[in-house]
Amino acid sequence: MQAYQVIKHLDQVVGTVEAQAWMARGNEMLGGLTPVGAIKERRIDDVLKAMRAVAMERGLFEEPFLPPSPK
């Protein structure tokens, strides 16, 4: 369910194809792990931080584009 929520949110920021690719690609902010792998390791807060970086790279600094802040 968390992976679905991440893709759903990313879809608004980068589009469906790029969101799916981002989830399957190794990410520097996750130590080279894919976001899917990080979610499996219960590191959703780290994935949310990486998602915020994607939104900010695109100049999106406000809701609804930013994911919820990690707790």
Protein backbone atom coordinates (compact mmCIF):
# COMPACT_ATOMS: atom_id res chain seq x y z
CA MET A 1 0.00 0.00 0.00
CA GLN A 2 2.83 2.42 0.78
CA ALA A 3 4.40 1.85 -2.64
CA TYR A 4 1.06 2.64 -4.27
CA GLN A 5 0.75 5.88 -2.30
CA VAL A 6 4.28 6.90 -3.30
CA ILE A 7 3.63 6.22 -7.00
CA LYS A 8 0.27 8.00 -6.82
CA HIS A 9 1.93 11.08 -5.37
CA LEU A 10 4.89 11.01 -7.77
CA ASP A 11 2.51 10.69 -10.70
CA GLN A 12 1.33 14.25 -9.97
CA VAL A 13 4.90 15.52 -9.97
CA VAL A 14 6.66 13.63 -12.77
CA GLY A 15 4.02 11.58 -14.59
CA THR A 16 3.18 7.90 -14.52
CA VAL A 17 6.08 6.50 -16.54
CA GLU A 18 8.75 8.44 -14.66
CA ALA A 19 7.13 7.63 -11.29
CA GLN A 20 7.29 3.91 -12.03
CA ALA A 21 10.89 4.20 -13.26
CA TRP A 22 11.88 6.17 -10.14
CA MET A 23 10.49 3.43 -7.90
CA ALA A 24 12.59 0.77 -9.66
CA ARG A 25 15.84 2.76 -9.95
CA GLY A 26 18.57 2.88 -7.32
CA ASN A 27 18.50 6.15 -5.40
CA GLU A 28 21.51 7.95 -3.92
CA MET A 29 19.43 9.28 -1.02
CA LEU A 30 18.56 5.69 -0.15
CA GLY A 31 22.15 4.45 -0.26
CA GLY A 32 21.70 3.02 -3.76
CA LEU A 33 18.62 1.04 -2.78
CA THR A 34 15.46 1.35 -4.88
CA PRO A 35 12.49 3.07 -3.26
CA VAL A 36 10.61 -0.25 -3.46
CA GLY A 37 13.46 -1.95 -1.60
CA ALA A 38 13.53 0.81 1.00
CA ILE A 39 9.79 0.42 1.57
CA LYS A 40 10.27 -3.33 2.03
CA GLU A 41 12.91 -2.51 4.66
CA ARG A 42 10.40 -0.24 6.42
CA ARG A 43 12.26 2.96 5.49
CA ILE A 44 9.22 4.90 4.28
CA ASP A 45 10.45 8.10 5.97
CA ASP A 46 13.60 7.96 3.85
CA VAL A 47 11.53 7.38 0.71
CA LEU A 48 9.37 10.40 1.55
CA LYS A 49 12.50 12.53 1.93
CA ALA A 50 13.73 11.34 -1.46
CA MET A 51 10.32 12.16 -2.97
CA ARG A 52 10.46 15.66 -1.50
CA ALA A 53 13.84 16.11 -3.19
CA VAL A 54 12.32 15.15 -6.55
CA ALA A 55 9.53 17.70 -6.13
CA MET A 56 11.95 20.42 -5.06
CA GLU A 57 14.25 19.69 -8.00
CA ARG A 58 11.28 20.55 -10.20
CA GLY A 59 10.60 23.78 -8.31
CA LEU A 60 7.53 22.48 -6.48
CA PHE A 61 7.67 23.62 -2.89
CA GLU A 62 4.03 23.55 -1.79
CA GLU A 63 1.17 21.08 -1.36
CA PRO A 64 -0.20 19.10 -3.12
CA PHE A 65 3.11 18.38 -4.83
CA LEU A 66 5.21 17.68 -1.77
CA PRO A 67 4.62 14.39 -0.02
CA PRO A 68 3.77 14.46 3.65
CA SER A 69 6.71 15.27 5.88
CA PRO A 70 8.34 12.25 7.53
CA LYS A 71 7.48 11.89 11.19
